[in-house]
Amino acid sequence: MDAEINELRRQCSRATTPQDCAAVGLVAVRVTEALSRKVYVHAVHGAAGEEEPNISDTKLPGKGNEELRGLAKTTIEAAQAMKHRGTPTRTEVGIAADAVILLANMLRRLDE
């Protein structure tokens, strides 16, 4: 996890072109997927009889902590948008990267 976040920070700090910025979006999505792998346990979070969701489906349903779930879903959507936007700006990807890092820190806090 820390390696992915460090790479996100590195790429974000060096991004100057729209292509660089789109690459930051890709790394931001990779971090959300790594977070999903870390916190989602199908036996605990999945419904009986359902198949385990694809790791790219990071916006998993659930109950409890609605405010935090809302923030997580918005963060994931922002990362996805930067990955797919034709010409994201450095500011846009910087904000998305900051949100992803915030999400990672929140999940660490919840795991304490």
PDB file of N, CA and C in Angstrom:
ATOM      1  N   MET A   1       0.814  -1.184   0.000  1.00  0.00           N
ATOM      2  CA  MET A   1       0.000   0.000   0.000  1.00  0.00           C
ATOM      3  C   MET A   1       0.867   1.262   0.000  1.00  0.00           C
ATOM      4  N   ASP A   2       1.830   1.299   0.892  1.00  0.00           N
ATOM      5  CA  ASP A   2       2.685   2.481   0.970  1.00  0.00           C
ATOM      6  C   ASP A   2       3.461   2.701  -0.328  1.00  0.00           C
ATOM      7  N   ALA A   3       3.867   1.624  -0.970  1.00  0.00           N
ATOM      8  CA  ALA A   3       4.589   1.765  -2.240  1.00  0.00           C
ATOM      9  C   ALA A   3       3.692   2.411  -3.299  1.00  0.00           C
ATOM     10  N   GLU A   4       2.435   2.018  -3.348  1.00  0.00           N
ATOM     11  CA  GLU A   4       1.495   2.607  -4.315  1.00  0.00           C
ATOM     12  C   GLU A   4       1.276   4.086  -4.006  1.00  0.00           C
ATOM     13  N   ILE A   5       1.126   4.427  -2.733  1.00  0.00           N
ATOM     14  CA  ILE A   5       0.919   5.834  -2.348  1.00  0.00           C
ATOM     15  C   ILE A   5       2.157   6.656  -2.653  1.00  0.00           C
ATOM     16  N   ASN A   6       3.328   6.095  -2.381  1.00  0.00           N
ATOM     17  CA  ASN A   6       4.566   6.810  -2.704  1.00  0.00           C
ATOM     18  C   ASN A   6       4.682   7.059  -4.203  1.00  0.00           C
ATOM     19  N   GLU A   7       4.304   6.078  -5.001  1.00  0.00           N
ATOM     20  CA  GLU A   7       4.334   6.248  -6.457  1.00  0.00           C
ATOM     21  C   GLU A   7       3.327   7.311  -6.895  1.00  0.00           C
ATOM     22  N   LEU A   8       2.175   7.329  -6.270  1.00  0.00           N
ATOM     23  CA  LEU A   8       1.177   8.364  -6.577  1.00  0.00           C
ATOM     24  C   LEU A   8       1.743   9.748  -6.276  1.00  0.00           C
ATOM     25  N   ARG A   9       2.353   9.886  -5.128  1.00  0.00           N
ATOM     26  CA  ARG A   9       2.961  11.185  -4.766  1.00  0.00           C
ATOM     27  C   ARG A   9       4.071  11.561  -5.752  1.00  0.00           C
ATOM     28  N   ARG A  10       4.910  10.593  -6.108  1.00  0.00           N
ATOM     29  CA  ARG A  10       6.030  10.857  -7.017  1.00  0.00           C
ATOM     30  C   ARG A  10       5.519  11.325  -8.371  1.00  0.00           C
ATOM     31  N   GLN A  11       4.571  10.567  -8.930  1.00  0.00           N
ATOM     32  CA  GLN A  11       4.068  10.935 -10.253  1.00  0.00           C
ATOM     33  C   GLN A  11       3.324  12.262 -10.222  1.00  0.00           C
ATOM     34  N   CYS A  12       2.589  12.496  -9.151  1.00  0.00           N
ATOM     35  CA  CYS A  12       1.838  13.754  -9.046  1.00  0.00           C
ATOM     36  C   CYS A  12       2.799  14.947  -8.982  1.00  0.00           C
ATOM     37  N   SER A  13       3.879  14.801  -8.246  1.00  0.00           N
ATOM     38  CA  SER A  13       4.820  15.916  -8.101  1.00  0.00           C
ATOM     39  C   SER A  13       5.569  16.218  -9.397  1.00  0.00           C
ATOM     40  N   ARG A  14       5.678  15.227 -10.288  1.00  0.00           N
ATOM     41  CA  ARG A  14       6.422  15.405 -11.538  1.00  0.00           C
ATOM     42  C   ARG A  14       5.534  15.640 -12.750  1.00  0.00           C
ATOM     43  N   ALA A  15       4.227  15.571 -12.570  1.00  0.00           N
ATOM     44  CA  ALA A  15       3.311  15.701 -13.713  1.00  0.00           C
ATOM     45  C   ALA A  15       3.326  17.129 -14.255  1.00  0.00           C
ATOM     46  N   THR A  16       3.570  17.233 -15.561  1.00  0.00           N
ATOM     47  CA  THR A  16       3.542  18.549 -16.203  1.00  0.00           C
ATOM     48  C   THR A  16       2.658  18.558 -17.442  1.00  0.00           C
ATOM     49  N   THR A  17       2.560  17.445 -18.131  1.00  0.00           N
ATOM     50  CA  THR A  17       1.765  17.389 -19.361  1.00  0.00           C
ATOM     51  C   THR A  17       0.421  16.710 -19.083  1.00  0.00           C
ATOM     52  N   PRO A  18      -0.548  16.876 -19.990  1.00  0.00           N
ATOM     53  CA  PRO A  18      -1.817  16.156 -19.824  1.00  0.00           C
ATOM     54  C   PRO A  18      -1.617  14.645 -19.752  1.00  0.00           C
ATOM     55  N   GLN A  19      -0.638  14.131 -20.483  1.00  0.00           N
ATOM     56  CA  GLN A  19      -0.359  12.698 -20.442  1.00  0.00           C
ATOM     57  C   GLN A  19       0.160  12.283 -19.059  1.00  0.00           C
ATOM     58  N   ASP A  20       1.047  13.099 -18.494  1.00  0.00           N
ATOM     59  CA  ASP A  20       1.538  12.847 -17.133  1.00  0.00           C
ATOM     60  C   ASP A  20       0.370  12.843 -16.148  1.00  0.00           C
ATOM     61  N   CYS A  21      -0.522  13.814 -16.317  1.00  0.00           N
ATOM     62  CA  CYS A  21      -1.659  13.933 -15.404  1.00  0.00           C
ATOM     63  C   CYS A  21      -2.595  12.732 -15.521  1.00  0.00           C
ATOM     64  N   ALA A  22      -2.821  12.256 -16.737  1.00  0.00           N
ATOM     65  CA  ALA A  22      -3.656  11.070 -16.924  1.00  0.00           C
ATOM     66  C   ALA A  22      -3.002   9.856 -16.255  1.00  0.00           C
ATOM     67  N   ALA A  23      -1.679   9.785 -16.316  1.00  0.00           N
ATOM     68  CA  ALA A  23      -0.959   8.687 -15.666  1.00  0.00           C
ATOM     69  C   ALA A  23      -1.137   8.752 -14.149  1.00  0.00           C
ATOM     70  N   VAL A  24      -1.205   9.961 -13.596  1.00  0.00           N
ATOM     71  CA  VAL A  24      -1.472  10.114 -12.167  1.00  0.00           C
ATOM     72  C   VAL A  24      -2.849   9.542 -11.849  1.00  0.00           C
ATOM     73  N   GLY A  25      -3.821   9.802 -12.724  1.00  0.00           N
ATOM     74  CA  GLY A  25      -5.152   9.240 -12.538  1.00  0.00           C
ATOM     75  C   GLY A  25      -5.119   7.722 -12.501  1.00  0.00           C
ATOM     76  N   LEU A  26      -4.328   7.122 -13.363  1.00  0.00           N
ATOM     77  CA  LEU A  26      -4.200   5.666 -13.390  1.00  0.00           C
ATOM     78  C   LEU A  26      -3.622   5.146 -12.073  1.00  0.00           C
ATOM     79  N   VAL A  27      -2.600   5.804 -11.579  1.00  0.00           N
ATOM     80  CA  VAL A  27      -1.994   5.378 -10.315  1.00  0.00           C
ATOM     81  C   VAL A  27      -2.986   5.583  -9.162  1.00  0.00           C
ATOM     82  N   ALA A  28      -3.760   6.655  -9.198  1.00  0.00           N
ATOM     83  CA  ALA A  28      -4.773   6.890  -8.162  1.00  0.00           C
ATOM     84  C   ALA A  28      -5.785   5.745  -8.138  1.00  0.00           C
ATOM     85  N   VAL A  29      -6.186   5.285  -9.316  1.00  0.00           N
ATOM     86  CA  VAL A  29      -7.110   4.153  -9.389  1.00  0.00           C
ATOM     87  C   VAL A  29      -6.443   2.892  -8.848  1.00  0.00           C
ATOM     88  N   ARG A  30      -5.178   2.695  -9.168  1.00  0.00           N
ATOM     89  CA  ARG A  30      -4.453   1.525  -8.639  1.00  0.00           C
ATOM     90  C   ARG A  30      -4.446   1.537  -7.112  1.00  0.00           C
ATOM     91  N   VAL A  31      -4.303   2.725  -6.521  1.00  0.00           N
ATOM     92  CA  VAL A  31      -4.314   2.826  -5.063  1.00  0.00           C
ATOM     93  C   VAL A  31      -5.690   2.449  -4.525  1.00  0.00           C
ATOM     94  N   THR A  32      -6.770   2.925  -5.170  1.00  0.00           N
ATOM     95  CA  THR A  32      -8.114   2.561  -4.684  1.00  0.00           C
ATOM     96  C   THR A  32      -8.326   1.056  -4.790  1.00  0.00           C
ATOM     97  N   GLU A  33      -7.796   0.438  -5.834  1.00  0.00           N
ATOM     98  CA  GLU A  33      -7.920  -1.013  -5.966  1.00  0.00           C
ATOM     99  C   GLU A  33      -7.098  -1.732  -4.896  1.00  0.00           C
ATOM    100  N   ALA A  34      -5.927  -1.207  -4.591  1.00  0.00           N
ATOM    101  CA  ALA A  34      -5.107  -1.796  -3.522  1.00  0.00           C
ATOM    102  C   ALA A  34      -5.821  -1.670  -2.174  1.00  0.00           C
ATOM    103  N   LEU A  35      -6.470  -0.537  -1.963  1.00  0.00           N
ATOM    104  CA  LEU A  35      -7.248  -0.356  -0.739  1.00  0.00           C
ATOM    105  C   LEU A  35      -8.379  -1.369  -0.669  1.00  0.00           C
ATOM    106  N   SER A  36      -9.037  -1.566  -1.793  1.00  0.00           N
ATOM    107  CA  SER A  36     -10.131  -2.530  -1.839  1.00  0.00           C
ATOM    108  C   SER A  36      -9.640  -3.925  -1.481  1.00  0.00           C
ATOM    109  N   ARG A  37      -8.509  -4.316  -2.065  1.00  0.00           N
ATOM    110  CA  ARG A  37      -7.938  -5.635  -1.754  1.00  0.00           C
ATOM    111  C   ARG A  37      -7.609  -5.755  -0.272  1.00  0.00           C
ATOM    112  N   LYS A  38      -7.178  -4.662   0.319  1.00  0.00           N
ATOM    113  CA  LYS A  38      -6.752  -4.668   1.720  1.00  0.00           C
ATOM    114  C   LYS A  38      -7.930  -4.753   2.687  1.00  0.00           C
ATOM    115  N   VAL A  39      -9.014  -4.039   2.411  1.00  0.00           N
ATOM    116  CA  VAL A  39     -10.079  -3.938   3.407  1.00  0.00           C
ATOM    117  C   VAL A  39     -11.282  -4.841   3.148  1.00  0.00           C
ATOM    118  N   TYR A  40     -11.469  -5.297   1.907  1.00  0.00           N
ATOM    119  CA  TYR A  40     -12.648  -6.106   1.606  1.00  0.00           C
ATOM    120  C   TYR A  40     -12.345  -7.582   1.815  1.00  0.00           C
ATOM    121  N   VAL A  41     -13.128  -8.206   2.691  1.00  0.00           N
ATOM    122  CA  VAL A  41     -13.037  -9.639   2.943  1.00  0.00           C
ATOM    123  C   VAL A  41     -14.405 -10.211   2.592  1.00  0.00           C
ATOM    124  N   HIS A  42     -14.451 -11.001   1.534  1.00  0.00           N
ATOM    125  CA  HIS A  42     -15.733 -11.463   1.017  1.00  0.00           C
ATOM    126  C   HIS A  42     -16.535 -12.240   2.066  1.00  0.00           C
ATOM    127  N   ALA A  43     -15.873 -13.054   2.861  1.00  0.00           N
ATOM    128  CA  ALA A  43     -16.580 -13.827   3.885  1.00  0.00           C
ATOM    129  C   ALA A  43     -17.253 -12.925   4.914  1.00  0.00           C
ATOM    130  N   VAL A  44     -16.693 -11.737   5.114  1.00  0.00           N
ATOM    131  CA  VAL A  44     -17.245 -10.798   6.088  1.00  0.00           C
ATOM    132  C   VAL A  44     -18.209  -9.812   5.428  1.00  0.00           C
ATOM    133  N   HIS A  45     -17.822  -9.273   4.280  1.00  0.00           N
ATOM    134  CA  HIS A  45     -18.575  -8.186   3.656  1.00  0.00           C
ATOM    135  C   HIS A  45     -19.555  -8.625   2.569  1.00  0.00           C
ATOM    136  N   GLY A  46     -19.371  -9.811   2.027  1.00  0.00           N
ATOM    137  CA  GLY A  46     -20.231 -10.277   0.944  1.00  0.00           C
ATOM    138  C   GLY A  46     -21.506 -10.921   1.466  1.00  0.00           C
ATOM    139  N   ALA A  47     -22.502 -10.987   0.590  1.00  0.00           N
ATOM    140  CA  ALA A  47     -23.762 -11.654   0.931  1.00  0.00           C
ATOM    141  C   ALA A  47     -23.648 -13.136   0.600  1.00  0.00           C
ATOM    142  N   ALA A  48     -24.323 -13.950   1.373  1.00  0.00           N
ATOM    143  CA  ALA A  48     -24.296 -15.399   1.152  1.00  0.00           C
ATOM    144  C   ALA A  48     -24.783 -15.719  -0.253  1.00  0.00           C
ATOM    145  N   GLY A  49     -24.043 -16.561  -0.940  1.00  0.00           N
ATOM    146  CA  GLY A  49     -24.422 -16.993  -2.281  1.00  0.00           C
ATOM    147  C   GLY A  49     -23.985 -16.067  -3.398  1.00  0.00           C
ATOM    148  N   GLU A  50     -23.473 -14.893  -3.083  1.00  0.00           N
ATOM    149  CA  GLU A  50     -22.994 -13.966  -4.116  1.00  0.00           C
ATOM    150  C   GLU A  50     -21.536 -14.247  -4.443  1.00  0.00           C
ATOM    151  N   GLU A  51     -21.206 -14.046  -5.715  1.00  0.00           N
ATOM    152  CA  GLU A  51     -19.806 -14.178  -6.113  1.00  0.00           C
ATOM    153  C   GLU A  51     -19.022 -12.979  -5.597  1.00  0.00           C
ATOM    154  N   GLU A  52     -17.748 -13.211  -5.388  1.00  0.00           N
ATOM    155  CA  GLU A  52     -16.887 -12.104  -4.961  1.00  0.00           C
ATOM    156  C   GLU A  52     -16.772 -11.099  -6.091  1.00  0.00           C
ATOM    157  N   PRO A  53     -16.937  -9.804  -5.799  1.00  0.00           N
ATOM    158  CA  PRO A  53     -16.861  -8.799  -6.861  1.00  0.00           C
ATOM    159  C   PRO A  53     -15.442  -8.644  -7.403  1.00  0.00           C
ATOM    160  N   ASN A  54     -15.363  -8.148  -8.622  1.00  0.00           N
ATOM    161  CA  ASN A  54     -14.089  -7.857  -9.253  1.00  0.00           C
ATOM    162  C   ASN A  54     -13.389  -6.764  -8.451  1.00  0.00           C
ATOM    163  N   ILE A  55     -12.084  -6.835  -8.373  1.00  0.00           N
ATOM    164  CA  ILE A  55     -11.325  -5.852  -7.593  1.00  0.00           C
ATOM    165  C   ILE A  55     -11.499  -4.438  -8.124  1.00  0.00           C
ATOM    166  N   SER A  56     -11.813  -4.297  -9.405  1.00  0.00           N
ATOM    167  CA  SER A  56     -12.010  -2.956  -9.954  1.00  0.00           C
ATOM    168  C   SER A  56     -13.335  -2.352  -9.508  1.00  0.00           C
ATOM    169  N   ASP A  57     -14.215  -3.148  -8.900  1.00  0.00           N
ATOM    170  CA  ASP A  57     -15.475  -2.638  -8.375  1.00  0.00           C
ATOM    171  C   ASP A  57     -15.240  -2.190  -6.943  1.00  0.00           C
ATOM    172  N   THR A  58     -14.558  -1.065  -6.805  1.00  0.00           N
ATOM    173  CA  THR A  58     -14.157  -0.603  -5.482  1.00  0.00           C
ATOM    174  C   THR A  58     -15.283   0.073  -4.722  1.00  0.00           C
ATOM    175  N   LYS A  59     -16.369   0.426  -5.391  1.00  0.00           N
ATOM    176  CA  LYS A  59     -17.496   1.082  -4.723  1.00  0.00           C
ATOM    177  C   LYS A  59     -18.500   0.026  -4.277  1.00  0.00           C
ATOM    178  N   LEU A  60     -18.123  -0.731  -3.280  1.00  0.00           N
ATOM    179  CA  LEU A  60     -18.947  -1.830  -2.812  1.00  0.00           C
ATOM    180  C   LEU A  60     -20.076  -1.330  -1.924  1.00  0.00           C
ATOM    181  N   PRO A  61     -21.245  -1.987  -1.989  1.00  0.00           N
ATOM    182  CA  PRO A  61     -22.363  -1.577  -1.141  1.00  0.00           C
ATOM    183  C   PRO A  61     -22.130  -1.988   0.301  1.00  0.00           C
ATOM    184  N   GLY A  62     -22.917  -1.439   1.159  1.00  0.00           N
ATOM    185  CA  GLY A  62     -22.832  -1.824   2.556  1.00  0.00           C
ATOM    186  C   GLY A  62     -23.593  -0.863   3.427  1.00  0.00           C
ATOM    187  N   LYS A  63     -23.598  -1.150   4.707  1.00  0.00           N
ATOM    188  CA  LYS A  63     -24.308  -0.311   5.664  1.00  0.00           C
ATOM    189  C   LYS A  63     -23.338   0.148   6.738  1.00  0.00           C
ATOM    190  N   GLY A  64     -23.694   1.217   7.379  1.00  0.00           N
ATOM    191  CA  GLY A  64     -22.865   1.779   8.435  1.00  0.00           C
ATOM    192  C   GLY A  64     -21.843   2.742   7.878  1.00  0.00           C
ATOM    193  N   ASN A  65     -21.482   3.707   8.664  1.00  0.00           N
ATOM    194  CA  ASN A  65     -20.487   4.718   8.270  1.00  0.00           C
ATOM    195  C   ASN A  65     -20.852   5.375   6.944  1.00  0.00           C
ATOM    196  N   GLU A  66     -22.118   5.753   6.778  1.00  0.00           N
ATOM    197  CA  GLU A  66     -22.582   6.290   5.503  1.00  0.00           C
ATOM    198  C   GLU A  66     -21.771   7.502   5.040  1.00  0.00           C
ATOM    199  N   GLU A  67     -21.425   8.381   5.970  1.00  0.00           N
ATOM    200  CA  GLU A  67     -20.660   9.571   5.592  1.00  0.00           C
ATOM    201  C   GLU A  67     -19.289   9.180   5.031  1.00  0.00           C
ATOM    202  N   LEU A  68     -18.648   8.235   5.708  1.00  0.00           N
ATOM    203  CA  LEU A  68     -17.337   7.798   5.250  1.00  0.00           C
ATOM    204  C   LEU A  68     -17.444   7.040   3.935  1.00  0.00           C
ATOM    205  N   ARG A  69     -18.498   6.232   3.787  1.00  0.00           N
ATOM    206  CA  ARG A  69     -18.707   5.520   2.520  1.00  0.00           C
ATOM    207  C   ARG A  69     -18.939   6.519   1.385  1.00  0.00           C
ATOM    208  N   GLY A  70     -19.701   7.570   1.676  1.00  0.00           N
ATOM    209  CA  GLY A  70     -19.942   8.591   0.656  1.00  0.00           C
ATOM    210  C   GLY A  70     -18.641   9.257   0.224  1.00  0.00           C
ATOM    211  N   LEU A  71     -17.798   9.565   1.193  1.00  0.00           N
ATOM    212  CA  LEU A  71     -16.500  10.166   0.875  1.00  0.00           C
ATOM    213  C   LEU A  71     -15.646   9.195   0.074  1.00  0.00           C
ATOM    214  N   ALA A  72     -15.686   7.930   0.447  1.00  0.00           N
ATOM    215  CA  ALA A  72     -14.910   6.926  -0.282  1.00  0.00           C
ATOM    216  C   ALA A  72     -15.405   6.812  -1.722  1.00  0.00           C
ATOM    217  N   LYS A  73     -16.713   6.748  -1.923  1.00  0.00           N
ATOM    218  CA  LYS A  73     -17.264   6.623  -3.279  1.00  0.00           C
ATOM    219  C   LYS A  73     -16.913   7.842  -4.123  1.00  0.00           C
ATOM    220  N   THR A  74     -17.015   9.026  -3.543  1.00  0.00           N
ATOM    221  CA  THR A  74     -16.670  10.242  -4.279  1.00  0.00           C
ATOM    222  C   THR A  74     -15.192  10.259  -4.637  1.00  0.00           C
ATOM    223  N   THR A  75     -14.347   9.818  -3.730  1.00  0.00           N
ATOM    224  CA  THR A  75     -12.907   9.750  -3.991  1.00  0.00           C
ATOM    225  C   THR A  75     -12.609   8.800  -5.139  1.00  0.00           C
ATOM    226  N   ILE A  76     -13.240   7.640  -5.121  1.00  0.00           N
ATOM    227  CA  ILE A  76     -13.039   6.652  -6.182  1.00  0.00           C
ATOM    228  C   ILE A  76     -13.506   7.216  -7.523  1.00  0.00           C
ATOM    229  N   GLU A  77     -14.648   7.893  -7.517  1.00  0.00           N
ATOM    230  CA  GLU A  77     -15.158   8.497  -8.753  1.00  0.00           C
ATOM    231  C   GLU A  77     -14.202   9.563  -9.276  1.00  0.00           C
ATOM    232  N   ALA A  78     -13.625  10.346  -8.375  1.00  0.00           N
ATOM    233  CA  ALA A  78     -12.668  11.380  -8.789  1.00  0.00           C
ATOM    234  C   ALA A  78     -11.430  10.751  -9.415  1.00  0.00           C
ATOM    235  N   ALA A  79     -10.920   9.689  -8.815  1.00  0.00           N
ATOM    236  CA  ALA A  79      -9.751   8.997  -9.368  1.00  0.00           C
ATOM    237  C   ALA A  79     -10.073   8.432 -10.749  1.00  0.00           C
ATOM    238  N   GLN A  80     -11.232   7.795 -10.876  1.00  0.00           N
ATOM    239  CA  GLN A  80     -11.644   7.245 -12.175  1.00  0.00           C
ATOM    240  C   GLN A  80     -11.772   8.346 -13.219  1.00  0.00           C
ATOM    241  N   ALA A  81     -12.342   9.478 -12.832  1.00  0.00           N
ATOM    242  CA  ALA A  81     -12.514  10.590 -13.775  1.00  0.00           C
ATOM    243  C   ALA A  81     -11.170  11.089 -14.285  1.00  0.00           C
ATOM    244  N   MET A  82     -10.176  11.171 -13.401  1.00  0.00           N
ATOM    245  CA  MET A  82      -8.859  11.648 -13.826  1.00  0.00           C
ATOM    246  C   MET A  82      -8.206  10.643 -14.764  1.00  0.00           C
ATOM    247  N   LYS A  83      -8.441   9.381 -14.516  1.00  0.00           N
ATOM    248  CA  LYS A  83      -7.868   8.334 -15.374  1.00  0.00           C
ATOM    249  C   LYS A  83      -8.439   8.433 -16.792  1.00  0.00           C
ATOM    250  N   HIS A  84      -9.711   8.763 -16.895  1.00  0.00           N
ATOM    251  CA  HIS A  84     -10.381   8.740 -18.201  1.00  0.00           C
ATOM    252  C   HIS A  84     -10.510  10.105 -18.864  1.00  0.00           C
ATOM    253  N   ARG A  85     -10.255  11.174 -18.143  1.00  0.00           N
ATOM    254  CA  ARG A  85     -10.383  12.513 -18.712  1.00  0.00           C
ATOM    255  C   ARG A  85      -9.303  12.722 -19.764  1.00  0.00           C
ATOM    256  N   GLY A  86      -9.684  13.306 -20.868  1.00  0.00           N
ATOM    257  CA  GLY A  86      -8.740  13.509 -21.969  1.00  0.00           C
ATOM    258  C   GLY A  86      -7.575  14.414 -21.622  1.00  0.00           C
ATOM    259  N   THR A  87      -7.847  15.488 -20.935  1.00  0.00           N
ATOM    260  CA  THR A  87      -6.785  16.437 -20.596  1.00  0.00           C
ATOM    261  C   THR A  87      -6.943  16.933 -19.162  1.00  0.00           C
ATOM    262  N   PRO A  88      -6.701  16.068 -18.199  1.00  0.00           N
ATOM    263  CA  PRO A  88      -6.797  16.526 -16.814  1.00  0.00           C
ATOM    264  C   PRO A  88      -5.680  17.509 -16.511  1.00  0.00           C
ATOM    265  N   THR A  89      -5.963  18.439 -15.627  1.00  0.00           N
ATOM    266  CA  THR A  89      -4.943  19.415 -15.237  1.00  0.00           C
ATOM    267  C   THR A  89      -4.175  18.920 -14.019  1.00  0.00           C
ATOM    268  N   ARG A  90      -3.061  19.537 -13.794  1.00  0.00           N
ATOM    269  CA  ARG A  90      -2.235  19.193 -12.638  1.00  0.00           C
ATOM    270  C   ARG A  90      -3.006  19.428 -11.349  1.00  0.00           C
ATOM    271  N   THR A  91      -3.778  20.505 -11.307  1.00  0.00           N
ATOM    272  CA  THR A  91      -4.587  20.800 -10.125  1.00  0.00           C
ATOM    273  C   THR A  91      -5.637  19.720  -9.902  1.00  0.00           C
ATOM    274  N   GLU A  92      -6.317  19.322 -10.967  1.00  0.00           N
ATOM    275  CA  GLU A  92      -7.361  18.298 -10.846  1.00  0.00           C
ATOM    276  C   GLU A  92      -6.804  16.979 -10.342  1.00  0.00           C
ATOM    277  N   VAL A  93      -5.703  16.531 -10.931  1.00  0.00           N
ATOM    278  CA  VAL A  93      -5.152  15.244 -10.487  1.00  0.00           C
ATOM    279  C   VAL A  93      -4.528  15.367  -9.105  1.00  0.00           C
ATOM    280  N   GLY A  94      -4.013  16.544  -8.782  1.00  0.00           N
ATOM    281  CA  GLY A  94      -3.468  16.750  -7.437  1.00  0.00           C
ATOM    282  C   GLY A  94      -4.544  16.616  -6.377  1.00  0.00           C
ATOM    283  N   ILE A  95      -5.712  17.182  -6.651  1.00  0.00           N
ATOM    284  CA  ILE A  95      -6.831  17.076  -5.709  1.00  0.00           C
ATOM    285  C   ILE A  95      -7.299  15.629  -5.611  1.00  0.00           C
ATOM    286  N   ALA A  96      -7.409  14.943  -6.748  1.00  0.00           N
ATOM    287  CA  ALA A  96      -7.822  13.536  -6.731  1.00  0.00           C
ATOM    288  C   ALA A  96      -6.803  12.690  -5.964  1.00  0.00           C
ATOM    289  N   ALA A  97      -5.522  12.947  -6.180  1.00  0.00           N
ATOM    290  CA  ALA A  97      -4.472  12.201  -5.471  1.00  0.00           C
ATOM    291  C   ALA A  97      -4.553  12.467  -3.971  1.00  0.00           C
ATOM    292  N   ASP A  98      -4.748  13.722  -3.593  1.00  0.00           N
ATOM    293  CA  ASP A  98      -4.881  14.058  -2.173  1.00  0.00           C
ATOM    294  C   ASP A  98      -6.072  13.329  -1.550  1.00  0.00           C
ATOM    295  N   ALA A  99      -7.177  13.250  -2.296  1.00  0.00           N
ATOM    296  CA  ALA A  99      -8.371  12.563  -1.793  1.00  0.00           C
ATOM    297  C   ALA A  99      -8.101  11.075  -1.604  1.00  0.00           C
ATOM    298  N   VAL A 100      -7.386  10.470  -2.539  1.00  0.00           N
ATOM    299  CA  VAL A 100      -7.065   9.044  -2.424  1.00  0.00           C
ATOM    300  C   VAL A 100      -6.166   8.800  -1.213  1.00  0.00           C
ATOM    301  N   ILE A 101      -5.205   9.665  -0.998  1.00  0.00           N
ATOM    302  CA  ILE A 101      -4.318   9.529   0.159  1.00  0.00           C
ATOM    303  C   ILE A 101      -5.115   9.715   1.450  1.00  0.00           C
ATOM    304  N   LEU A 102      -6.042  10.664   1.462  1.00  0.00           N
ATOM    305  CA  LEU A 102      -6.924  10.850   2.618  1.00  0.00           C
ATOM    306  C   LEU A 102      -7.724   9.573   2.886  1.00  0.00           C
ATOM    307  N   LEU A 103      -8.274   8.987   1.830  1.00  0.00           N
ATOM    308  CA  LEU A 103      -9.043   7.752   1.975  1.00  0.00           C
ATOM    309  C   LEU A 103      -8.175   6.642   2.581  1.00  0.00           C
ATOM    310  N   ALA A 104      -6.960   6.509   2.097  1.00  0.00           N
ATOM    311  CA  ALA A 104      -6.051   5.491   2.646  1.00  0.00           C
ATOM    312  C   ALA A 104      -5.812   5.737   4.133  1.00  0.00           C
ATOM    313  N   ASN A 105      -5.614   6.976   4.506  1.00  0.00           N
ATOM    314  CA  ASN A 105      -5.378   7.299   5.913  1.00  0.00           C
ATOM    315  C   ASN A 105      -6.619   7.043   6.760  1.00  0.00           C
ATOM    316  N   MET A 106      -7.805   7.338   6.212  1.00  0.00           N
ATOM    317  CA  MET A 106      -9.048   7.057   6.938  1.00  0.00           C
ATOM    318  C   MET A 106      -9.203   5.569   7.208  1.00  0.00           C
ATOM    319  N   LEU A 107      -8.922   4.765   6.172  1.00  0.00           N
ATOM    320  CA  LEU A 107      -9.063   3.316   6.323  1.00  0.00           C
ATOM    321  C   LEU A 107      -8.048   2.769   7.332  1.00  0.00           C
ATOM    322  N   ARG A 108      -6.863   3.356   7.348  1.00  0.00           N
ATOM    323  CA  ARG A 108      -5.882   2.953   8.365  1.00  0.00           C
ATOM    324  C   ARG A 108      -6.414   3.268   9.752  1.00  0.00           C
ATOM    325  N   ARG A 109      -6.998   4.438   9.888  1.00  0.00           N
ATOM    326  CA  ARG A 109      -7.543   4.859  11.189  1.00  0.00           C
ATOM    327  C   ARG A 109      -8.645   3.898  11.635  1.00  0.00           C
ATOM    328  N   LEU A 110      -9.522   3.509  10.716  1.00  0.00           N
ATOM    329  CA  LEU A 110     -10.599   2.579  11.052  1.00  0.00           C
ATOM    330  C   LEU A 110     -10.068   1.209  11.450  1.00  0.00           C
ATOM    331  N   ASP A 111      -8.882   0.872  10.960  1.00  0.00           N
ATOM    332  CA  ASP A 111      -8.286  -0.433  11.256  1.00  0.00           C
ATOM    333  C   ASP A 111      -7.568  -0.452  12.596  1.00  0.00           C
ATOM    334  N   GLU A 112      -7.421   0.720  13.207  1.00  0.00           N
ATOM    335  CA  GLU A 112      -6.709   0.796  14.497  1.00  0.00           C
ATOM    336  C   GLU A 112      -7.491   0.130  15.601  1.00  0.00           C
TER     337      GLU A 112
END
